[in-house]
Amino acid sequence: MSQLLRLSHISRRLPKGFPALPALLLAAAIAGVGPAPAAQAAEKPATISLQGKGEISVAPDMAVVTTRVVNIGTTAPEALHANTAAIAKVIADIKAAGIEAKDIQTSGFSIYPRYENRKDDSNEPPKIVGYEVSNGVTVRVRALDKLGGILNAVVVSGANSVDGISFAVSATNEKLDEARKEAVADARRKAELYAEAAGVKLGRVLSISEGSIAAPRPYAVRSEKMMTMSAAPVPVEAGEETLSATVNIVWEIAQ
């Protein structure tokens, strides 16, 4: 309103005969006037921002195993024929152990030539002395009490390489919710501590954003260990996995 009165005062001081400011120009001038910098600063509330972290330990309830059969032959068809028969038996034995077809997936099929080891300095190209065929399957084991027997079964039936085992937790998002709640509680605890030390009080929450999420990682099992297995189930210990979540929360400092 004061700006409007000031513009009106200027208009009255114009020389006689000078046209008055058009209404549109006057409205534009008023609209272009914003609050003073001090007023803008007063409108922005003081805040306190903290990050919280929550962790929970859970026992894995499933595992993923990748195993393969590697065969060597003088010719590619010879190696392929032997490999096909061997991997077919491995898959059949996996199914016989109680694994459904939906949890068995072919992975990593390959055929490579094998070259002779030359010790002379001849410039002749290396000679192919055979072929190597590799075919694998990735198996999802939904009942960990079957894992040891399945590991033994795949090796006994012909698999001669195990790339690794990863333990997993089903319904991860639901279990992560507990870690998220702990992260929020951790952030509030720290915010209240800082507020008390500063002699202020926490006000309303202005923003909440999720940070990083950590899930279990797979670890490798060396294939040469698998070659020494007997007819007994392989001992397997799943242990526990840690799920963690972080959250960032901004509070207004109460007046």
Protein backbone atom coordinates (compact mmCIF):
# COMPACT_ATOMS: atom_id res chain seq x y z
CA MET A 1 0.00 0.00 0.00
CA SER A 2 2.87 2.40 0.81
CA GLN A 3 4.29 1.82 -2.68
CA LEU A 4 0.91 2.70 -4.20
CA LEU A 5 0.75 5.96 -2.20
CA ARG A 6 4.30 6.83 -3.27
CA LEU A 7 3.43 6.32 -6.94
CA SER A 8 0.31 8.43 -6.51
CA HIS A 9 2.37 11.22 -4.91
CA ILE A 10 4.80 11.16 -7.86
CA SER A 11 1.88 11.41 -10.27
CA ARG A 12 0.55 14.53 -8.56
CA ARG A 13 3.94 16.23 -8.85
CA LEU A 14 4.11 15.86 -12.64
CA PRO A 15 3.82 19.12 -14.66
CA LYS A 16 0.38 20.23 -15.76
CA GLY A 17 -0.62 18.71 -19.03
CA PHE A 18 1.67 15.71 -18.54
CA PRO A 19 -0.46 12.63 -19.06
CA ALA A 20 -1.15 10.60 -15.94
CA LEU A 21 0.43 7.13 -15.61
CA PRO A 22 -1.75 4.58 -17.34
CA ALA A 23 -3.46 2.19 -14.95
CA LEU A 24 -1.78 -0.80 -16.59
CA LEU A 25 1.70 0.68 -16.13
CA LEU A 26 0.94 1.53 -12.53
CA ALA A 27 -0.26 -2.02 -11.83
CA ALA A 28 2.87 -3.46 -13.44
CA ALA A 29 5.08 -1.21 -11.33
CA ILE A 30 3.33 -2.33 -8.15
CA ALA A 31 3.49 -6.03 -9.14
CA GLY A 32 7.22 -5.78 -9.79
CA VAL A 33 7.92 -4.62 -6.26
CA GLY A 34 8.86 -7.63 -4.06
CA PRO A 35 9.47 -7.93 -0.35
CA ALA A 36 12.62 -6.45 1.07
CA PRO A 37 15.62 -8.77 1.56
CA ALA A 38 15.15 -8.60 5.33
CA ALA A 39 11.57 -9.79 4.96
CA GLN A 40 12.68 -12.66 2.75
CA ALA A 41 15.24 -13.75 5.33
CA ALA A 42 12.62 -13.63 8.06
CA GLU A 43 10.34 -15.95 6.08
CA LYS A 44 12.96 -18.75 5.85
CA PRO A 45 12.84 -20.90 9.01
CA ALA A 46 15.90 -22.10 10.85
CA THR A 47 16.36 -25.85 10.38
CA ILE A 48 18.35 -28.80 11.64
CA SER A 49 19.23 -31.64 9.25
CA LEU A 50 20.41 -35.10 10.33
CA GLN A 51 21.02 -38.50 8.74
CA GLY A 52 19.96 -41.69 10.50
CA LYS A 53 21.03 -45.28 9.89
CA GLY A 54 19.24 -48.51 10.71
CA GLU A 55 20.54 -52.08 10.52
CA ILE A 56 18.95 -55.47 11.05
CA SER A 57 20.45 -58.97 10.92
CA VAL A 58 18.43 -61.68 9.23
CA ALA A 59 19.10 -65.30 8.37
CA PRO A 60 19.14 -66.04 4.60
CA ASP A 61 16.35 -68.33 3.47
CA MET A 62 17.46 -69.04 -0.09
CA ALA A 63 20.61 -69.47 -2.18
CA VAL A 64 21.69 -69.17 -5.82
CA VAL A 65 24.32 -71.59 -7.17
CA THR A 66 26.00 -71.42 -10.58
CA THR A 67 27.60 -74.69 -11.67
CA ARG A 68 28.91 -75.89 -15.01
CA VAL A 69 30.31 -78.83 -16.95
CA VAL A 70 33.53 -78.39 -18.94
CA ASN A 71 34.52 -81.02 -21.53
CA ILE A 72 37.53 -81.28 -23.83
CA GLY A 73 37.52 -83.17 -27.14
CA THR A 74 39.64 -83.58 -30.22
CA THR A 75 36.88 -82.04 -32.35
CA ALA A 76 34.16 -79.54 -31.50
CA PRO A 77 31.32 -82.06 -32.13
CA GLU A 78 33.03 -84.63 -29.93
CA ALA A 79 33.40 -82.16 -27.03
CA LEU A 80 29.86 -80.88 -27.54
CA HIS A 81 28.37 -84.37 -27.54
CA ALA A 82 30.10 -85.26 -24.27
CA ASN A 83 29.13 -81.94 -22.71
CA THR A 84 25.49 -82.21 -23.77
CA ALA A 85 25.14 -85.62 -22.18
CA ALA A 86 26.87 -84.48 -18.99
CA ILE A 87 24.87 -81.27 -18.47
CA ALA A 88 21.62 -83.12 -19.22
CA LYS A 89 22.41 -85.53 -16.38
CA VAL A 90 23.27 -82.64 -14.05
CA ILE A 91 19.95 -80.94 -14.76
CA ALA A 92 18.05 -84.20 -14.31
CA ASP A 93 19.70 -84.81 -10.94
CA ILE A 94 18.96 -81.23 -9.85
CA LYS A 95 15.28 -81.74 -10.63
CA ALA A 96 15.35 -85.12 -8.86
CA ALA A 97 16.66 -83.32 -5.78
CA GLY A 98 13.45 -81.31 -5.62
CA ILE A 99 14.28 -78.16 -7.61
CA GLU A 100 11.50 -76.94 -9.93
CA ALA A 101 12.19 -76.17 -13.59
CA LYS A 102 11.43 -72.46 -13.04
CA ASP A 103 14.44 -72.27 -10.69
CA ILE A 104 16.92 -73.75 -13.19
CA GLN A 105 18.38 -71.51 -15.89
CA THR A 106 21.08 -72.22 -18.50
CA SER A 107 24.03 -69.83 -18.25
CA GLY A 108 27.43 -69.42 -19.87
CA PHE A 109 27.47 -71.77 -22.85
CA SER A 110 30.73 -71.52 -24.82
CA ILE A 111 33.03 -73.40 -27.25
CA TYR A 112 36.74 -72.51 -27.47
CA PRO A 113 39.59 -73.98 -29.54
CA ARG A 114 42.63 -75.26 -27.64
CA TYR A 115 46.05 -74.53 -29.14
CA GLU A 116 49.29 -76.45 -28.81
CA ASN A 117 52.01 -75.01 -26.65
CA ARG A 118 54.86 -74.05 -28.94
CA LYS A 119 58.33 -73.71 -27.46
CA ASP A 120 60.19 -72.81 -30.64
CA ASP A 121 60.35 -69.41 -32.32
CA SER A 122 58.52 -70.52 -35.43
CA ASN A 123 56.39 -67.92 -37.18
CA GLU A 124 53.80 -70.50 -38.08
CA PRO A 125 50.33 -69.97 -36.57
CA PRO A 126 49.57 -72.15 -33.53
CA LYS A 127 47.91 -75.45 -34.27
CA ILE A 128 44.46 -76.31 -32.86
CA VAL A 129 44.76 -79.51 -30.86
CA GLY A 130 41.23 -79.74 -29.48
CA TYR A 131 38.12 -77.94 -28.32
CA GLU A 132 36.68 -77.01 -24.96
CA VAL A 133 32.93 -76.83 -24.40
CA SER A 134 31.43 -75.30 -21.28
CA ASN A 135 27.76 -75.21 -20.31
CA GLY A 136 26.34 -74.17 -16.97
CA VAL A 137 23.15 -73.78 -15.02
CA THR A 138 22.14 -71.33 -12.34
CA VAL A 139 20.00 -72.91 -9.66
CA ARG A 140 17.82 -71.09 -7.16
CA VAL A 141 17.50 -73.13 -3.97
CA ARG A 142 14.49 -71.95 -1.98
CA ALA A 143 15.00 -74.39 0.91
CA LEU A 144 18.47 -74.12 2.43
CA ASP A 145 18.23 -77.55 4.02
CA LYS A 146 18.49 -78.93 0.46
CA LEU A 147 21.57 -76.91 -0.50
CA GLY A 148 24.25 -79.31 0.75
CA GLY A 149 22.69 -82.28 -1.02
CA ILE A 150 22.28 -80.34 -4.25
CA LEU A 151 25.91 -79.18 -4.24
CA ASN A 152 27.03 -82.77 -3.84
CA ALA A 153 24.56 -84.04 -6.44
CA VAL A 154 25.71 -81.66 -9.20
CA VAL A 155 29.35 -82.67 -8.75
CA VAL A 156 28.63 -86.40 -8.53
CA SER A 157 26.47 -86.17 -11.65
CA GLY A 158 29.20 -84.54 -13.72
CA ALA A 159 29.59 -80.82 -12.91
CA ASN A 160 33.27 -79.98 -12.51
CA SER A 161 33.08 -76.25 -11.80
CA VAL A 162 31.10 -74.20 -9.32
CA ASP A 163 31.38 -70.47 -9.94
CA GLY A 164 29.90 -69.31 -6.68
CA ILE A 165 27.10 -69.27 -4.15
CA SER A 166 25.10 -66.26 -3.10
CA PHE A 167 22.79 -66.36 -0.11
CA ALA A 168 19.69 -64.23 -0.33
CA VAL A 169 16.83 -63.02 1.81
CA SER A 170 13.34 -63.29 0.36
CA ALA A 171 10.84 -60.43 0.79
CA THR A 172 13.78 -58.06 1.21
CA ASN A 173 11.69 -54.90 1.02
CA GLU A 174 9.44 -55.99 3.86
CA LYS A 175 12.45 -56.76 6.06
CA LEU A 176 14.12 -53.49 5.05
CA ASP A 177 11.12 -51.64 6.49
CA GLU A 178 12.42 -52.49 9.98
CA ALA A 179 15.79 -50.98 9.11
CA ARG A 180 14.04 -47.88 7.73
CA LYS A 181 12.13 -47.42 11.00
CA GLU A 182 15.37 -47.71 12.94
CA ALA A 183 16.98 -45.14 10.64
CA VAL A 184 14.20 -42.63 11.33
CA ALA A 185 14.49 -43.23 15.09
CA ASP A 186 18.27 -42.78 14.88
CA ALA A 187 17.93 -39.49 13.01
CA ARG A 188 15.39 -38.16 15.54
CA ARG A 189 17.55 -39.22 18.48
CA LYS A 190 20.55 -37.33 17.11
CA ALA A 191 18.43 -34.30 16.16
CA GLU A 192 16.98 -34.07 19.67
CA LEU A 193 20.48 -34.37 21.13
CA TYR A 194 21.80 -31.51 19.00
CA ALA A 195 18.71 -29.39 19.66
CA GLU A 196 19.04 -29.83 23.42
CA ALA A 197 22.74 -28.97 23.30
CA ALA A 198 21.93 -25.83 21.30
CA GLY A 199 19.10 -24.81 23.62
CA VAL A 200 16.36 -25.07 21.02
CA LYS A 201 13.45 -27.39 20.31
CA LEU A 202 12.55 -29.44 17.26
CA GLY A 203 9.55 -28.29 15.28
CA ARG A 204 7.71 -29.92 12.42
CA VAL A 205 9.41 -32.17 9.87
CA LEU A 206 10.08 -30.30 6.63
CA SER A 207 11.45 -33.13 4.49
CA ILE A 208 12.34 -36.82 4.54
CA SER A 209 14.44 -38.56 1.88
CA GLU A 210 15.81 -42.09 1.73
CA GLY A 211 19.54 -42.54 1.33
CA SER A 212 21.49 -45.71 0.60
CA ILE A 213 20.19 -49.27 0.94
CA ALA A 214 22.56 -52.19 1.54
CA ALA A 215 21.63 -55.80 0.76
CA PRO A 216 23.65 -59.05 1.03
CA ARG A 217 26.47 -59.68 -1.46
CA PRO A 218 27.42 -63.06 -2.92
CA TYR A 219 30.71 -64.73 -2.08
CA ALA A 220 32.65 -67.24 -4.16
CA VAL A 221 33.23 -70.94 -3.58
CA ARG A 222 36.43 -72.22 -5.20
CA SER A 223 35.67 -74.95 -7.75
CA GLU A 224 38.67 -77.10 -6.84
CA LYS A 225 37.15 -77.62 -3.40
CA MET A 226 34.06 -79.00 -5.05
CA MET A 227 36.10 -81.72 -6.76
CA THR A 228 36.90 -83.41 -3.42
CA MET A 229 33.29 -84.02 -2.42
CA SER A 230 32.10 -87.44 -1.36
CA ALA A 231 28.62 -88.92 -1.45
CA ALA A 232 27.68 -87.09 1.76
CA PRO A 233 25.87 -83.73 1.62
CA VAL A 234 28.21 -80.76 1.62
CA PRO A 235 28.29 -78.87 4.95
CA VAL A 236 26.87 -75.38 4.42
CA GLU A 237 26.51 -72.57 6.94
CA ALA A 238 24.39 -69.62 5.80
CA GLY A 239 25.08 -67.40 8.82
CA GLU A 240 23.34 -64.04 8.92
CA GLU A 241 23.10 -61.15 6.51
CA THR A 242 22.86 -57.46 7.40
CA LEU A 243 20.28 -55.19 5.79
CA SER A 244 20.76 -51.46 6.28
CA ALA A 245 19.04 -48.23 5.31
CA THR A 246 19.79 -44.53 5.74
CA VAL A 247 17.39 -41.58 5.83
CA ASN A 248 17.84 -37.80 5.72
CA ILE A 249 15.39 -35.66 7.71
CA VAL A 250 15.09 -31.88 8.02
CA TRP A 251 13.27 -30.35 11.02
CA GLU A 252 12.17 -26.79 11.59
CA ILE A 253 13.59 -25.28 14.77
CA ALA A 254 10.63 -24.25 16.93
CA GLN A 255 10.46 -20.63 18.07
